């Protein structure tokens, strides 16, 4: 996982191997000084192939606070 603090943004990038067929929807949860990255399936279209995806989260951070970033949680 790569985390960059740029001006008032946090940019988190992670490569992850997952099912190749469905789309994915990203979300975050912020609790105290931690950001939890969440990835959910956009459909039930599952297949037998795997693919490596590059997931990128761009998070507004107007206070320029440093956070602990958790690994992506697939749901």
PDB file of N, CA and C in Angstrom:
ATOM      1  N   UNK A   1       0.849  -1.166   0.000  1.00  0.00           N
ATOM      2  CA  UNK A   1       0.000   0.000   0.000  1.00  0.00           C
ATOM      3  C   UNK A   1       0.896   1.230   0.000  1.00  0.00           C
ATOM      4  N   UNK A   2       0.497   2.220  -0.787  1.00  0.00           N
ATOM      5  CA  UNK A   2       1.221   3.483  -0.847  1.00  0.00           C
ATOM      6  C   UNK A   2       0.283   4.591  -0.389  1.00  0.00           C
ATOM      7  N   UNK A   3       0.751   5.428   0.531  1.00  0.00           N
ATOM      8  CA  UNK A   3      -0.043   6.537   1.063  1.00  0.00           C
ATOM      9  C   UNK A   3       0.736   7.826   0.838  1.00  0.00           C
ATOM     10  N   UNK A   4       0.100   8.798   0.169  1.00  0.00           N
ATOM     11  CA  UNK A   4       0.709  10.104  -0.061  1.00  0.00           C
ATOM     12  C   UNK A   4      -0.206  11.186   0.489  1.00  0.00           C
ATOM     13  N   UNK A   5       0.377  12.119   1.205  1.00  0.00           N
ATOM     14  CA  UNK A   5      -0.338  13.296   1.675  1.00  0.00           C
ATOM     15  C   UNK A   5       0.046  14.438   0.741  1.00  0.00           C
ATOM     16  N   UNK A   6      -0.934  14.936  -0.037  1.00  0.00           N
ATOM     17  CA  UNK A   6      -0.683  15.991  -1.016  1.00  0.00           C
ATOM     18  C   UNK A   6      -1.653  17.135  -0.734  1.00  0.00           C
ATOM     19  N   UNK A   7      -1.104  18.253  -0.298  1.00  0.00           N
ATOM     20  CA  UNK A   7      -1.932  19.408   0.062  1.00  0.00           C
ATOM     21  C   UNK A   7      -3.028  18.971   1.032  1.00  0.00           C
ATOM     22  N   UNK A   8      -4.287  19.100   0.631  1.00  0.00           N
ATOM     23  CA  UNK A   8      -5.399  18.725   1.511  1.00  0.00           C
ATOM     24  C   UNK A   8      -6.026  17.386   1.104  1.00  0.00           C
ATOM     25  N   UNK A   9      -5.217  16.512   0.524  1.00  0.00           N
ATOM     26  CA  UNK A   9      -5.691  15.194   0.093  1.00  0.00           C
ATOM     27  C   UNK A   9      -4.812  14.091   0.663  1.00  0.00           C
ATOM     28  N   UNK A  10      -5.433  12.934   0.843  1.00  0.00           N
ATOM     29  CA  UNK A  10      -4.698  11.696   1.123  1.00  0.00           C
ATOM     30  C   UNK A  10      -4.970  10.791  -0.070  1.00  0.00           C
ATOM     31  N   UNK A  11      -3.913  10.314  -0.703  1.00  0.00           N
ATOM     32  CA  UNK A  11      -4.053   9.433  -1.855  1.00  0.00           C
ATOM     33  C   UNK A  11      -3.489   8.071  -1.460  1.00  0.00           C
ATOM     34  N   UNK A  12      -4.356   7.066  -1.458  1.00  0.00           N
ATOM     35  CA  UNK A  12      -3.973   5.714  -1.063  1.00  0.00           C
ATOM     36  C   UNK A  12      -4.106   4.810  -2.287  1.00  0.00           C
ATOM     37  N   UNK A  13      -3.040   4.085  -2.598  1.00  0.00           N
ATOM     38  CA  UNK A  13      -3.033   3.173  -3.736  1.00  0.00           C
ATOM     39  C   UNK A  13      -2.602   1.794  -3.259  1.00  0.00           C
ATOM     40  N   UNK A  14      -3.318   0.778  -3.719  1.00  0.00           N
ATOM     41  CA  UNK A  14      -2.963  -0.588  -3.341  1.00  0.00           C
ATOM     42  C   UNK A  14      -3.278  -1.533  -4.489  1.00  0.00           C
ATOM     43  N   UNK A  15      -2.347  -2.437  -4.773  1.00  0.00           N
ATOM     44  CA  UNK A  15      -2.593  -3.521  -5.718  1.00  0.00           C
ATOM     45  C   UNK A  15      -3.202  -4.681  -4.959  1.00  0.00           C
ATOM     46  N   UNK A  16      -4.207  -5.328  -5.579  1.00  0.00           N
ATOM     47  CA  UNK A  16      -4.877  -6.417  -4.896  1.00  0.00           C
ATOM     48  C   UNK A  16      -5.389  -7.425  -5.919  1.00  0.00           C
ATOM     49  N   UNK A  17      -5.134  -8.700  -5.655  1.00  0.00           N
ATOM     50  CA  UNK A  17      -5.659  -9.756  -6.523  1.00  0.00           C
ATOM     51  C   UNK A  17      -7.053 -10.126  -6.040  1.00  0.00           C
ATOM     52  N   UNK A  18      -7.999 -10.099  -6.975  1.00  0.00           N
ATOM     53  CA  UNK A  18      -9.376 -10.407  -6.620  1.00  0.00           C
ATOM     54  C   UNK A  18     -10.114 -10.935  -7.846  1.00  0.00           C
ATOM     55  N   UNK A  19     -11.369 -11.280  -7.693  1.00  0.00           N
ATOM     56  CA  UNK A  19     -12.158 -11.832  -8.784  1.00  0.00           C
ATOM     57  C   UNK A  19     -12.242 -10.828  -9.933  1.00  0.00           C
ATOM     58  N   UNK A  20     -12.095 -11.312 -11.163  1.00  0.00           N
ATOM     59  CA  UNK A  20     -12.004 -10.434 -12.326  1.00  0.00           C
ATOM     60  C   UNK A  20     -13.347  -9.961 -12.879  1.00  0.00           C
ATOM     61  N   UNK A  21     -14.443 -10.602 -12.521  1.00  0.00           N
ATOM     62  CA  UNK A  21     -15.710 -10.300 -13.199  1.00  0.00           C
ATOM     63  C   UNK A  21     -16.542  -9.155 -12.609  1.00  0.00           C
ATOM     64  N   UNK A  22     -16.753  -9.081 -11.310  1.00  0.00           N
ATOM     65  CA  UNK A  22     -17.628  -8.010 -10.839  1.00  0.00           C
ATOM     66  C   UNK A  22     -16.896  -6.682 -10.780  1.00  0.00           C
ATOM     67  N   UNK A  23     -17.654  -5.612 -10.782  1.00  0.00           N
ATOM     68  CA  UNK A  23     -17.085  -4.303 -10.495  1.00  0.00           C
ATOM     69  C   UNK A  23     -17.006  -4.131  -8.990  1.00  0.00           C
ATOM     70  N   UNK A  24     -16.322  -3.106  -8.556  1.00  0.00           N
ATOM     71  CA  UNK A  24     -16.153  -2.866  -7.125  1.00  0.00           C
ATOM     72  C   UNK A  24     -16.487  -1.420  -6.798  1.00  0.00           C
ATOM     73  N   UNK A  25     -17.050  -1.211  -5.613  1.00  0.00           N
ATOM     74  CA  UNK A  25     -17.374   0.118  -5.111  1.00  0.00           C
ATOM     75  C   UNK A  25     -16.531   0.386  -3.874  1.00  0.00           C
ATOM     76  N   UNK A  26     -15.872   1.522  -3.844  1.00  0.00           N
ATOM     77  CA  UNK A  26     -15.031   1.864  -2.702  1.00  0.00           C
ATOM     78  C   UNK A  26     -15.729   2.800  -1.745  1.00  0.00           C
ATOM     79  N   UNK A  27     -15.384   2.680  -0.485  1.00  0.00           N
ATOM     80  CA  UNK A  27     -15.914   3.550   0.560  1.00  0.00           C
ATOM     81  C   UNK A  27     -14.863   3.624   1.659  1.00  0.00           C
ATOM     82  N   UNK A  28     -15.040   4.536   2.600  1.00  0.00           N
ATOM     83  CA  UNK A  28     -14.139   4.632   3.745  1.00  0.00           C
ATOM     84  C   UNK A  28     -14.955   4.811   5.022  1.00  0.00           C
ATOM     85  N   UNK A  29     -14.343   4.445   6.136  1.00  0.00           N
ATOM     86  CA  UNK A  29     -14.868   4.759   7.465  1.00  0.00           C
ATOM     87  C   UNK A  29     -13.729   5.413   8.228  1.00  0.00           C
ATOM     88  N   UNK A  30     -14.033   6.512   8.901  1.00  0.00           N
ATOM     89  CA  UNK A  30     -13.034   7.197   9.717  1.00  0.00           C
ATOM     90  C   UNK A  30     -13.449   7.059  11.172  1.00  0.00           C
ATOM     91  N   UNK A  31     -12.533   6.517  11.981  1.00  0.00           N
ATOM     92  CA  UNK A  31     -12.753   6.377  13.416  1.00  0.00           C
ATOM     93  C   UNK A  31     -11.501   6.865  14.116  1.00  0.00           C
ATOM     94  N   UNK A  32     -11.659   7.906  14.911  1.00  0.00           N
ATOM     95  CA  UNK A  32     -10.533   8.511  15.624  1.00  0.00           C
ATOM     96  C   UNK A  32      -9.436   8.889  14.636  1.00  0.00           C
ATOM     97  N   UNK A  33      -8.263   8.324  14.766  1.00  0.00           N
ATOM     98  CA  UNK A  33      -7.139   8.651  13.883  1.00  0.00           C
ATOM     99  C   UNK A  33      -6.885   7.566  12.843  1.00  0.00           C
ATOM    100  N   UNK A  34      -7.909   6.764  12.545  1.00  0.00           N
ATOM    101  CA  UNK A  34      -7.757   5.664  11.593  1.00  0.00           C
ATOM    102  C   UNK A  34      -8.744   5.801  10.442  1.00  0.00           C
ATOM    103  N   UNK A  35      -8.281   5.434   9.252  1.00  0.00           N
ATOM    104  CA  UNK A  35      -9.149   5.360   8.081  1.00  0.00           C
ATOM    105  C   UNK A  35      -9.193   3.902   7.641  1.00  0.00           C
ATOM    106  N   UNK A  36     -10.397   3.378   7.508  1.00  0.00           N
ATOM    107  CA  UNK A  36     -10.616   2.001   7.076  1.00  0.00           C
ATOM    108  C   UNK A  36     -11.116   2.028   5.640  1.00  0.00           C
ATOM    109  N   UNK A  37     -10.398   1.387   4.751  1.00  0.00           N
ATOM    110  CA  UNK A  37     -10.764   1.323   3.344  1.00  0.00           C
ATOM    111  C   UNK A  37     -11.678   0.126   3.128  1.00  0.00           C
ATOM    112  N   UNK A  38     -12.793   0.334   2.442  1.00  0.00           N
ATOM    113  CA  UNK A  38     -13.790  -0.710   2.239  1.00  0.00           C
ATOM    114  C   UNK A  38     -14.028  -0.875   0.745  1.00  0.00           C
ATOM    115  N   UNK A  39     -14.109  -2.111   0.301  1.00  0.00           N
ATOM    116  CA  UNK A  39     -14.381  -2.425  -1.098  1.00  0.00           C
ATOM    117  C   UNK A  39     -15.510  -3.449  -1.129  1.00  0.00           C
ATOM    118  N   UNK A  40     -16.604  -3.128  -1.821  1.00  0.00           N
ATOM    119  CA  UNK A  40     -17.730  -4.056  -1.932  1.00  0.00           C
ATOM    120  C   UNK A  40     -17.975  -4.399  -3.397  1.00  0.00           C
ATOM    121  N   UNK A  41     -18.518  -5.576  -3.629  1.00  0.00           N
ATOM    122  CA  UNK A  41     -18.860  -6.004  -4.984  1.00  0.00           C
ATOM    123  C   UNK A  41     -20.012  -5.164  -5.524  1.00  0.00           C
ATOM    124  N   UNK A  42     -19.906  -4.738  -6.770  1.00  0.00           N
ATOM    125  CA  UNK A  42     -20.973  -3.956  -7.397  1.00  0.00           C
ATOM    126  C   UNK A  42     -22.056  -4.857  -7.985  1.00  0.00           C
ATOM    127  N   UNK A  43     -21.743  -6.154  -8.140  1.00  0.00           N
ATOM    128  CA  UNK A  43     -22.730  -7.101  -8.660  1.00  0.00           C
ATOM    129  C   UNK A  43     -22.405  -8.489  -8.116  1.00  0.00           C
ATOM    130  N   UNK A  44     -23.298  -9.428  -8.378  1.00  0.00           N
ATOM    131  CA  UNK A  44     -23.087 -10.818  -7.965  1.00  0.00           C
ATOM    132  C   UNK A  44     -22.443 -11.639  -9.080  1.00  0.00           C
ATOM    133  N   UNK A  45     -21.950 -10.985 -10.112  1.00  0.00           N
ATOM    134  CA  UNK A  45     -21.356 -11.648 -11.276  1.00  0.00           C
ATOM    135  C   UNK A  45     -19.945 -12.120 -10.945  1.00  0.00           C
ATOM    136  N   UNK A  46     -19.833 -13.335 -10.401  1.00  0.00           N
ATOM    137  CA  UNK A  46     -18.551 -13.921 -10.005  1.00  0.00           C
ATOM    138  C   UNK A  46     -18.137 -14.949 -11.068  1.00  0.00           C
ATOM    139  N   UNK A  47     -16.825 -15.000 -11.352  1.00  0.00           N
ATOM    140  CA  UNK A  47     -16.328 -15.974 -12.327  1.00  0.00           C
ATOM    141  C   UNK A  47     -15.113 -16.701 -11.759  1.00  0.00           C
ATOM    142  N   UNK A  48     -14.518 -17.564 -12.559  1.00  0.00           N
ATOM    143  CA  UNK A  48     -13.396 -18.381 -12.098  1.00  0.00           C
ATOM    144  C   UNK A  48     -12.033 -17.712 -12.258  1.00  0.00           C
ATOM    145  N   UNK A  49     -11.983 -16.522 -12.811  1.00  0.00           N
ATOM    146  CA  UNK A  49     -10.678 -15.893 -13.051  1.00  0.00           C
ATOM    147  C   UNK A  49     -10.349 -14.832 -11.996  1.00  0.00           C
ATOM    148  N   UNK A  50      -9.067 -14.682 -11.764  1.00  0.00           N
ATOM    149  CA  UNK A  50      -8.548 -13.681 -10.841  1.00  0.00           C
ATOM    150  C   UNK A  50      -7.762 -12.647 -11.646  1.00  0.00           C
ATOM    151  N   UNK A  51      -7.692 -11.438 -11.123  1.00  0.00           N
ATOM    152  CA  UNK A  51      -6.949 -10.369 -11.778  1.00  0.00           C
ATOM    153  C   UNK A  51      -6.381  -9.455 -10.705  1.00  0.00           C
ATOM    154  N   UNK A  52      -5.274  -8.802 -11.018  1.00  0.00           N
ATOM    155  CA  UNK A  52      -4.693  -7.832 -10.092  1.00  0.00           C
ATOM    156  C   UNK A  52      -5.226  -6.457 -10.479  1.00  0.00           C
ATOM    157  N   UNK A  53      -5.866  -5.804  -9.520  1.00  0.00           N
ATOM    158  CA  UNK A  53      -6.419  -4.473  -9.731  1.00  0.00           C
ATOM    159  C   UNK A  53      -5.615  -3.455  -8.931  1.00  0.00           C
ATOM    160  N   UNK A  54      -5.576  -2.245  -9.427  1.00  0.00           N
ATOM    161  CA  UNK A  54      -4.983  -1.132  -8.694  1.00  0.00           C
ATOM    162  C   UNK A  54      -6.132  -0.284  -8.166  1.00  0.00           C
ATOM    163  N   UNK A  55      -6.323  -0.294  -6.854  1.00  0.00           N
ATOM    164  CA  UNK A  55      -7.369   0.484  -6.206  1.00  0.00           C
ATOM    165  C   UNK A  55      -6.755   1.786  -5.694  1.00  0.00           C
ATOM    166  N   UNK A  56      -7.408   2.906  -5.991  1.00  0.00           N
ATOM    167  CA  UNK A  56      -6.927   4.210  -5.537  1.00  0.00           C
ATOM    168  C   UNK A  56      -8.055   4.936  -4.822  1.00  0.00           C
ATOM    169  N   UNK A  57      -7.764   5.402  -3.638  1.00  0.00           N
ATOM    170  CA  UNK A  57      -8.697   6.211  -2.858  1.00  0.00           C
ATOM    171  C   UNK A  57      -8.128   7.625  -2.773  1.00  0.00           C
ATOM    172  N   UNK A  58      -8.954   8.619  -3.060  1.00  0.00           N
ATOM    173  CA  UNK A  58      -8.568  10.020  -2.893  1.00  0.00           C
ATOM    174  C   UNK A  58      -9.492  10.595  -1.834  1.00  0.00           C
ATOM    175  N   UNK A  59      -8.904  10.969  -0.701  1.00  0.00           N
ATOM    176  CA  UNK A  59      -9.675  11.343   0.485  1.00  0.00           C
ATOM    177  C   UNK A  59      -9.388  12.805   0.831  1.00  0.00           C
ATOM    178  N   UNK A  60     -10.445  13.602   0.984  1.00  0.00           N
ATOM    179  CA  UNK A  60     -10.269  14.997   1.397  1.00  0.00           C
ATOM    180  C   UNK A  60      -9.731  15.039   2.826  1.00  0.00           C
ATOM    181  N   UNK A  61      -8.770  15.913   3.043  1.00  0.00           N
ATOM    182  CA  UNK A  61      -8.141  16.034   4.364  1.00  0.00           C
ATOM    183  C   UNK A  61      -7.826  17.515   4.633  1.00  0.00           C
ATOM    184  N   UNK A  62      -8.877  18.349   4.799  1.00  0.00           N
ATOM    185  CA  UNK A  62      -8.654  19.790   4.924  1.00  0.00           C
ATOM    186  C   UNK A  62      -7.825  20.193   6.144  1.00  0.00           C
ATOM    187  N   UNK A  63      -7.806  19.366   7.189  1.00  0.00           N
ATOM    188  CA  UNK A  63      -7.028  19.690   8.388  1.00  0.00           C
ATOM    189  C   UNK A  63      -5.593  19.182   8.318  1.00  0.00           C
ATOM    190  N   UNK A  64      -5.264  18.496   7.209  1.00  0.00           N
ATOM    191  CA  UNK A  64      -3.926  17.938   6.993  1.00  0.00           C
ATOM    192  C   UNK A  64      -3.486  17.037   8.141  1.00  0.00           C
ATOM    193  N   UNK A  65      -4.434  16.251   8.636  1.00  0.00           N
ATOM    194  CA  UNK A  65      -4.186  15.328   9.744  1.00  0.00           C
ATOM    195  C   UNK A  65      -3.522  14.057   9.237  1.00  0.00           C
ATOM    196  N   UNK A  66      -2.630  13.485  10.025  1.00  0.00           N
ATOM    197  CA  UNK A  66      -2.019  12.198   9.703  1.00  0.00           C
ATOM    198  C   UNK A  66      -2.892  11.094  10.293  1.00  0.00           C
ATOM    199  N   UNK A  67      -3.188  10.075   9.473  1.00  0.00           N
ATOM    200  CA  UNK A  67      -4.039   8.968   9.882  1.00  0.00           C
ATOM    201  C   UNK A  67      -3.287   7.647   9.779  1.00  0.00           C
ATOM    202  N   UNK A  68      -3.761   6.677  10.519  1.00  0.00           N
ATOM    203  CA  UNK A  68      -3.362   5.291  10.312  1.00  0.00           C
ATOM    204  C   UNK A  68      -4.322   4.732   9.270  1.00  0.00           C
ATOM    205  N   UNK A  69      -3.772   4.186   8.189  1.00  0.00           N
ATOM    206  CA  UNK A  69      -4.596   3.666   7.099  1.00  0.00           C
ATOM    207  C   UNK A  69      -4.613   2.143   7.186  1.00  0.00           C
ATOM    208  N   UNK A  70      -5.812   1.568   7.284  1.00  0.00           N
ATOM    209  CA  UNK A  70      -5.954   0.105   7.354  1.00  0.00           C
ATOM    210  C   UNK A  70      -5.987  -0.471   5.941  1.00  0.00           C
ATOM    211  N   UNK A  71      -5.573  -1.732   5.816  1.00  0.00           N
ATOM    212  CA  UNK A  71      -5.628  -2.441   4.541  1.00  0.00           C
ATOM    213  C   UNK A  71      -7.078  -2.497   4.051  1.00  0.00           C
ATOM    214  N   UNK A  72      -7.265  -2.702   2.757  1.00  0.00           N
ATOM    215  CA  UNK A  72      -8.603  -2.770   2.177  1.00  0.00           C
ATOM    216  C   UNK A  72      -9.355  -3.981   2.735  1.00  0.00           C
ATOM    217  N   UNK A  73     -10.591  -3.733   3.160  1.00  0.00           N
ATOM    218  CA  UNK A  73     -11.490  -4.770   3.656  1.00  0.00           C
ATOM    219  C   UNK A  73     -12.489  -5.080   2.549  1.00  0.00           C
ATOM    220  N   UNK A  74     -12.407  -6.316   1.999  1.00  0.00           N
ATOM    221  CA  UNK A  74     -13.342  -6.733   0.948  1.00  0.00           C
ATOM    222  C   UNK A  74     -14.612  -7.263   1.603  1.00  0.00           C
ATOM    223  N   UNK A  75     -15.742  -6.727   1.187  1.00  0.00           N
ATOM    224  CA  UNK A  75     -17.032  -7.158   1.746  1.00  0.00           C
ATOM    225  C   UNK A  75     -17.945  -7.676   0.674  1.00  0.00           C
TER     226      UNK A  75
END
